[in-house]
Amino acid sequence: MSSGTSELAWFKSSYSGTQGDDCVEVAVTEQAVHVRDSKDVTRRALAVGRAEWARFAGFVAQR
């Protein structure tokens, strides 16, 4: 993962709570999907390949 995640266009998950807790943010690039906890943006974000993210999202959507 690049060290420049602060320049990414982050957006909150539509499933994040409205109380400001349990928030996940995602940023998509050509190479990867970056995921972070919006309550602690100083922590390193998780980066996964787009194909792996698509498989994960497909699995979650079936639940």
PDB file of N, CA and C in Angstrom:
ATOM      1  N   MET A   1       0.848  -1.169   0.000  1.00  0.00           N
ATOM      2  CA  MET A   1       0.000   0.000   0.000  1.00  0.00           C
ATOM      3  C   MET A   1       0.890   1.227   0.000  1.00  0.00           C
ATOM      4  N   SER A   2       0.474   2.229  -0.706  1.00  0.00           N
ATOM      5  CA  SER A   2       1.277   3.445  -0.745  1.00  0.00           C
ATOM      6  C   SER A   2       1.116   4.213   0.553  1.00  0.00           C
ATOM      7  N   SER A   3       2.099   5.064   0.843  1.00  0.00           N
ATOM      8  CA  SER A   3       2.020   5.860   2.064  1.00  0.00           C
ATOM      9  C   SER A   3       1.131   7.075   1.878  1.00  0.00           C
ATOM     10  N   GLY A   4       0.662   7.336   0.648  1.00  0.00           N
ATOM     11  CA  GLY A   4      -0.133   8.515   0.379  1.00  0.00           C
ATOM     12  C   GLY A   4      -1.625   8.291   0.445  1.00  0.00           C
ATOM     13  N   THR A   5      -2.110   7.570   1.429  1.00  0.00           N
ATOM     14  CA  THR A   5      -3.551   7.317   1.516  1.00  0.00           C
ATOM     15  C   THR A   5      -4.335   8.553   1.905  1.00  0.00           C
ATOM     16  N   SER A   6      -3.667   9.590   2.416  1.00  0.00           N
ATOM     17  CA  SER A   6      -4.398  10.804   2.787  1.00  0.00           C
ATOM     18  C   SER A   6      -4.917  11.533   1.549  1.00  0.00           C
ATOM     19  N   GLU A   7      -4.305  11.304   0.387  1.00  0.00           N
ATOM     20  CA  GLU A   7      -4.746  11.940  -0.845  1.00  0.00           C
ATOM     21  C   GLU A   7      -5.907  11.201  -1.515  1.00  0.00           C
ATOM     22  N   LEU A   8      -6.265  10.060  -1.010  1.00  0.00           N
ATOM     23  CA  LEU A   8      -7.341   9.281  -1.622  1.00  0.00           C
ATOM     24  C   LEU A   8      -8.699   9.915  -1.349  1.00  0.00           C
ATOM     25  N   ALA A   9      -9.650   9.634  -2.219  1.00  0.00           N
ATOM     26  CA  ALA A   9     -11.026  10.120  -2.045  1.00  0.00           C
ATOM     27  C   ALA A   9     -11.790   9.099  -1.213  1.00  0.00           C
ATOM     28  N   TRP A  10     -11.849   9.324   0.088  1.00  0.00           N
ATOM     29  CA  TRP A  10     -12.500   8.405   1.017  1.00  0.00           C
ATOM     30  C   TRP A  10     -13.998   8.682   1.069  1.00  0.00           C
ATOM     31  N   PHE A  11     -14.792   7.609   1.181  1.00  0.00           N
ATOM     32  CA  PHE A  11     -16.224   7.780   1.407  1.00  0.00           C
ATOM     33  C   PHE A  11     -16.680   6.757   2.426  1.00  0.00           C
ATOM     34  N   LYS A  12     -17.702   7.125   3.196  1.00  0.00           N
ATOM     35  CA  LYS A  12     -18.224   6.260   4.252  1.00  0.00           C
ATOM     36  C   LYS A  12     -19.152   5.208   3.688  1.00  0.00           C
ATOM     37  N   SER A  13     -19.117   4.058   4.306  1.00  0.00           N
ATOM     38  CA  SER A  13     -20.037   2.994   3.955  1.00  0.00           C
ATOM     39  C   SER A  13     -21.471   3.430   4.212  1.00  0.00           C
ATOM     40  N   SER A  14     -22.367   3.056   3.335  1.00  0.00           N
ATOM     41  CA  SER A  14     -23.787   3.370   3.536  1.00  0.00           C
ATOM     42  C   SER A  14     -24.361   2.597   4.723  1.00  0.00           C
ATOM     43  N   TYR A  15     -23.647   1.591   5.202  1.00  0.00           N
ATOM     44  CA  TYR A  15     -24.105   0.814   6.356  1.00  0.00           C
ATOM     45  C   TYR A  15     -23.525   1.334   7.664  1.00  0.00           C
ATOM     46  N   SER A  16     -22.716   2.384   7.616  1.00  0.00           N
ATOM     47  CA  SER A  16     -22.136   2.940   8.838  1.00  0.00           C
ATOM     48  C   SER A  16     -23.226   3.559   9.700  1.00  0.00           C
ATOM     49  N   GLY A  17     -23.028   3.524  10.987  1.00  0.00           N
ATOM     50  CA  GLY A  17     -24.007   4.069  11.921  1.00  0.00           C
ATOM     51  C   GLY A  17     -24.119   5.582  11.814  1.00  0.00           C
ATOM     52  N   THR A  18     -25.264   6.115  12.155  1.00  0.00           N
ATOM     53  CA  THR A  18     -25.488   7.558  12.111  1.00  0.00           C
ATOM     54  C   THR A  18     -24.998   8.249  13.378  1.00  0.00           C
ATOM     55  N   GLN A  19     -24.622   7.497  14.391  1.00  0.00           N
ATOM     56  CA  GLN A  19     -24.157   8.064  15.658  1.00  0.00           C
ATOM     57  C   GLN A  19     -22.667   8.388  15.637  1.00  0.00           C
ATOM     58  N   GLY A  20     -21.993   8.141  14.513  1.00  0.00           N
ATOM     59  CA  GLY A  20     -20.563   8.408  14.431  1.00  0.00           C
ATOM     60  C   GLY A  20     -19.703   7.245  14.880  1.00  0.00           C
ATOM     61  N   ASP A  21     -20.317   6.134  15.194  1.00  0.00           N
ATOM     62  CA  ASP A  21     -19.555   4.954  15.579  1.00  0.00           C
ATOM     63  C   ASP A  21     -19.676   3.887  14.498  1.00  0.00           C
ATOM     64  N   ASP A  22     -18.841   2.893  14.572  1.00  0.00           N
ATOM     65  CA  ASP A  22     -18.873   1.770  13.629  1.00  0.00           C
ATOM     66  C   ASP A  22     -18.815   2.231  12.177  1.00  0.00           C
ATOM     67  N   CYS A  23     -17.938   3.188  11.881  1.00  0.00           N
ATOM     68  CA  CYS A  23     -17.855   3.725  10.526  1.00  0.00           C
ATOM     69  C   CYS A  23     -16.667   3.140   9.774  1.00  0.00           C
ATOM     70  N   VAL A  24     -16.929   2.722   8.583  1.00  0.00           N
ATOM     71  CA  VAL A  24     -15.899   2.222   7.680  1.00  0.00           C
ATOM     72  C   VAL A  24     -15.844   3.166   6.499  1.00  0.00           C
ATOM     73  N   GLU A  25     -14.638   3.528   6.092  1.00  0.00           N
ATOM     74  CA  GLU A  25     -14.452   4.362   4.912  1.00  0.00           C
ATOM     75  C   GLU A  25     -13.693   3.561   3.864  1.00  0.00           C
ATOM     76  N   VAL A  26     -13.999   3.830   2.612  1.00  0.00           N
ATOM     77  CA  VAL A  26     -13.401   3.110   1.497  1.00  0.00           C
ATOM     78  C   VAL A  26     -12.906   4.123   0.470  1.00  0.00           C
ATOM     79  N   ALA A  27     -11.778   3.820  -0.142  1.00  0.00           N
ATOM     80  CA  ALA A  27     -11.252   4.611  -1.259  1.00  0.00           C
ATOM     81  C   ALA A  27     -10.833   3.635  -2.352  1.00  0.00           C
ATOM     82  N   VAL A  28     -11.256   3.902  -3.573  1.00  0.00           N
ATOM     83  CA  VAL A  28     -10.993   2.994  -4.688  1.00  0.00           C
ATOM     84  C   VAL A  28      -9.975   3.626  -5.635  1.00  0.00           C
ATOM     85  N   THR A  29      -8.958   2.850  -5.996  1.00  0.00           N
ATOM     86  CA  THR A  29      -7.984   3.262  -7.004  1.00  0.00           C
ATOM     87  C   THR A  29      -7.979   2.210  -8.106  1.00  0.00           C
ATOM     88  N   GLU A  30      -7.212   2.439  -9.138  1.00  0.00           N
ATOM     89  CA  GLU A  30      -7.129   1.449 -10.220  1.00  0.00           C
ATOM     90  C   GLU A  30      -6.542   0.136  -9.732  1.00  0.00           C
ATOM     91  N   GLN A  31      -5.630   0.208  -8.776  1.00  0.00           N
ATOM     92  CA  GLN A  31      -4.934  -0.989  -8.310  1.00  0.00           C
ATOM     93  C   GLN A  31      -5.600  -1.689  -7.127  1.00  0.00           C
ATOM     94  N   ALA A  32      -6.297  -0.941  -6.269  1.00  0.00           N
ATOM     95  CA  ALA A  32      -6.757  -1.541  -5.014  1.00  0.00           C
ATOM     96  C   ALA A  32      -7.966  -0.815  -4.452  1.00  0.00           C
ATOM     97  N   VAL A  33      -8.570  -1.469  -3.462  1.00  0.00           N
ATOM     98  CA  VAL A  33      -9.617  -0.856  -2.647  1.00  0.00           C
ATOM     99  C   VAL A  33      -9.021  -0.721  -1.248  1.00  0.00           C
ATOM    100  N   HIS A  34      -9.034   0.490  -0.717  1.00  0.00           N
ATOM    101  CA  HIS A  34      -8.475   0.789   0.591  1.00  0.00           C
ATOM    102  C   HIS A  34      -9.625   0.932   1.579  1.00  0.00           C
ATOM    103  N   VAL A  35      -9.464   0.344   2.762  1.00  0.00           N
ATOM    104  CA  VAL A  35     -10.508   0.361   3.793  1.00  0.00           C
ATOM    105  C   VAL A  35      -9.872   0.835   5.089  1.00  0.00           C
ATOM    106  N   ARG A  36     -10.581   1.744   5.798  1.00  0.00           N
ATOM    107  CA  ARG A  36     -10.063   2.218   7.082  1.00  0.00           C
ATOM    108  C   ARG A  36     -11.214   2.489   8.051  1.00  0.00           C
ATOM    109  N   ASP A  37     -10.847   2.580   9.314  1.00  0.00           N
ATOM    110  CA  ASP A  37     -11.771   2.934  10.389  1.00  0.00           C
ATOM    111  C   ASP A  37     -11.812   4.451  10.468  1.00  0.00           C
ATOM    112  N   SER A  38     -12.965   5.056  10.228  1.00  0.00           N
ATOM    113  CA  SER A  38     -13.054   6.510  10.193  1.00  0.00           C
ATOM    114  C   SER A  38     -12.833   7.153  11.565  1.00  0.00           C
ATOM    115  N   LYS A  39     -12.919   6.381  12.636  1.00  0.00           N
ATOM    116  CA  LYS A  39     -12.680   6.922  13.972  1.00  0.00           C
ATOM    117  C   LYS A  39     -11.186   7.056  14.266  1.00  0.00           C
ATOM    118  N   ASP A  40     -10.340   6.365  13.494  1.00  0.00           N
ATOM    119  CA  ASP A  40      -8.892   6.412  13.719  1.00  0.00           C
ATOM    120  C   ASP A  40      -8.174   6.408  12.371  1.00  0.00           C
ATOM    121  N   VAL A  41      -8.205   7.541  11.696  1.00  0.00           N
ATOM    122  CA  VAL A  41      -7.609   7.626  10.356  1.00  0.00           C
ATOM    123  C   VAL A  41      -6.083   7.655  10.387  1.00  0.00           C
ATOM    124  N   THR A  42      -5.489   7.710  11.583  1.00  0.00           N
ATOM    125  CA  THR A  42      -4.031   7.653  11.672  1.00  0.00           C
ATOM    126  C   THR A  42      -3.525   6.228  11.539  1.00  0.00           C
ATOM    127  N   ARG A  43      -4.395   5.265  11.741  1.00  0.00           N
ATOM    128  CA  ARG A  43      -4.007   3.864  11.553  1.00  0.00           C
ATOM    129  C   ARG A  43      -3.851   3.572  10.079  1.00  0.00           C
ATOM    130  N   ARG A  44      -3.021   2.623   9.786  1.00  0.00           N
ATOM    131  CA  ARG A  44      -2.793   2.203   8.414  1.00  0.00           C
ATOM    132  C   ARG A  44      -4.062   1.565   7.857  1.00  0.00           C
ATOM    133  N   ALA A  45      -4.405   1.942   6.634  1.00  0.00           N
ATOM    134  CA  ALA A  45      -5.580   1.377   5.972  1.00  0.00           C
ATOM    135  C   ALA A  45      -5.245  -0.005   5.411  1.00  0.00           C
ATOM    136  N   LEU A  46      -6.263  -0.811   5.264  1.00  0.00           N
ATOM    137  CA  LEU A  46      -6.138  -2.117   4.629  1.00  0.00           C
ATOM    138  C   LEU A  46      -6.311  -1.914   3.133  1.00  0.00           C
ATOM    139  N   ALA A  47      -5.450  -2.508   2.324  1.00  0.00           N
ATOM    140  CA  ALA A  47      -5.573  -2.414   0.869  1.00  0.00           C
ATOM    141  C   ALA A  47      -5.695  -3.815   0.303  1.00  0.00           C
ATOM    142  N   VAL A  48      -6.706  -4.024  -0.520  1.00  0.00           N
ATOM    143  CA  VAL A  48      -6.900  -5.322  -1.178  1.00  0.00           C
ATOM    144  C   VAL A  48      -7.090  -5.085  -2.670  1.00  0.00           C
ATOM    145  N   GLY A  49      -6.753  -6.082  -3.456  1.00  0.00           N
ATOM    146  CA  GLY A  49      -6.946  -5.984  -4.895  1.00  0.00           C
ATOM    147  C   GLY A  49      -8.424  -5.847  -5.238  1.00  0.00           C
ATOM    148  N   ARG A  50      -8.681  -5.225  -6.380  1.00  0.00           N
ATOM    149  CA  ARG A  50     -10.075  -4.999  -6.778  1.00  0.00           C
ATOM    150  C   ARG A  50     -10.821  -6.315  -6.996  1.00  0.00           C
ATOM    151  N   ALA A  51     -10.172  -7.315  -7.561  1.00  0.00           N
ATOM    152  CA  ALA A  51     -10.828  -8.610  -7.782  1.00  0.00           C
ATOM    153  C   ALA A  51     -11.176  -9.274  -6.452  1.00  0.00           C
ATOM    154  N   GLU A  52     -10.252  -9.193  -5.502  1.00  0.00           N
ATOM    155  CA  GLU A  52     -10.509  -9.771  -4.177  1.00  0.00           C
ATOM    156  C   GLU A  52     -11.640  -9.026  -3.479  1.00  0.00           C
ATOM    157  N   TRP A  53     -11.682  -7.706  -3.616  1.00  0.00           N
ATOM    158  CA  TRP A  53     -12.763  -6.909  -3.027  1.00  0.00           C
ATOM    159  C   TRP A  53     -14.103  -7.304  -3.645  1.00  0.00           C
ATOM    160  N   ALA A  54     -14.136  -7.484  -4.952  1.00  0.00           N
ATOM    161  CA  ALA A  54     -15.380  -7.872  -5.638  1.00  0.00           C
ATOM    162  C   ALA A  54     -15.869  -9.224  -5.132  1.00  0.00           C
ATOM    163  N   ARG A  55     -14.954 -10.169  -4.922  1.00  0.00           N
ATOM    164  CA  ARG A  55     -15.354 -11.479  -4.370  1.00  0.00           C
ATOM    165  C   ARG A  55     -15.901 -11.319  -2.961  1.00  0.00           C
ATOM    166  N   PHE A  56     -15.234 -10.528  -2.140  1.00  0.00           N
ATOM    167  CA  PHE A  56     -15.692 -10.273  -0.770  1.00  0.00           C
ATOM    168  C   PHE A  56     -17.084  -9.631  -0.782  1.00  0.00           C
ATOM    169  N   ALA A  57     -17.252  -8.581  -1.565  1.00  0.00           N
ATOM    170  CA  ALA A  57     -18.546  -7.884  -1.621  1.00  0.00           C
ATOM    171  C   ALA A  57     -19.647  -8.809  -2.123  1.00  0.00           C
ATOM    172  N   GLY A  58     -19.342  -9.653  -3.095  1.00  0.00           N
ATOM    173  CA  GLY A  58     -20.319 -10.620  -3.583  1.00  0.00           C
ATOM    174  C   GLY A  58     -20.726 -11.606  -2.508  1.00  0.00           C
ATOM    175  N   PHE A  59     -19.757 -12.059  -1.727  1.00  0.00           N
ATOM    176  CA  PHE A  59     -20.030 -12.988  -0.628  1.00  0.00           C
ATOM    177  C   PHE A  59     -20.916 -12.323   0.418  1.00  0.00           C
ATOM    178  N   VAL A  60     -20.582 -11.085   0.795  1.00  0.00           N
ATOM    179  CA  VAL A  60     -21.357 -10.360   1.800  1.00  0.00           C
ATOM    180  C   VAL A  60     -22.777 -10.098   1.309  1.00  0.00           C
ATOM    181  N   ALA A  61     -22.931  -9.775   0.042  1.00  0.00           N
ATOM    182  CA  ALA A  61     -24.249  -9.471  -0.514  1.00  0.00           C
ATOM    183  C   ALA A  61     -25.178 -10.688  -0.459  1.00  0.00           C
ATOM    184  N   GLN A  62     -24.624 -11.875  -0.456  1.00  0.00           N
ATOM    185  CA  GLN A  62     -25.434 -13.088  -0.397  1.00  0.00           C
ATOM    186  C   GLN A  62     -25.926 -13.383   1.002  1.00  0.00           C
ATOM    187  N   ARG A  63     -25.404 -12.722   1.999  1.00  0.00           N
ATOM    188  CA  ARG A  63     -25.765 -12.988   3.408  1.00  0.00           C
ATOM    189  C   ARG A  63     -26.987 -12.261   3.815  1.00  0.00           C
TER     190      ARG A  63
END
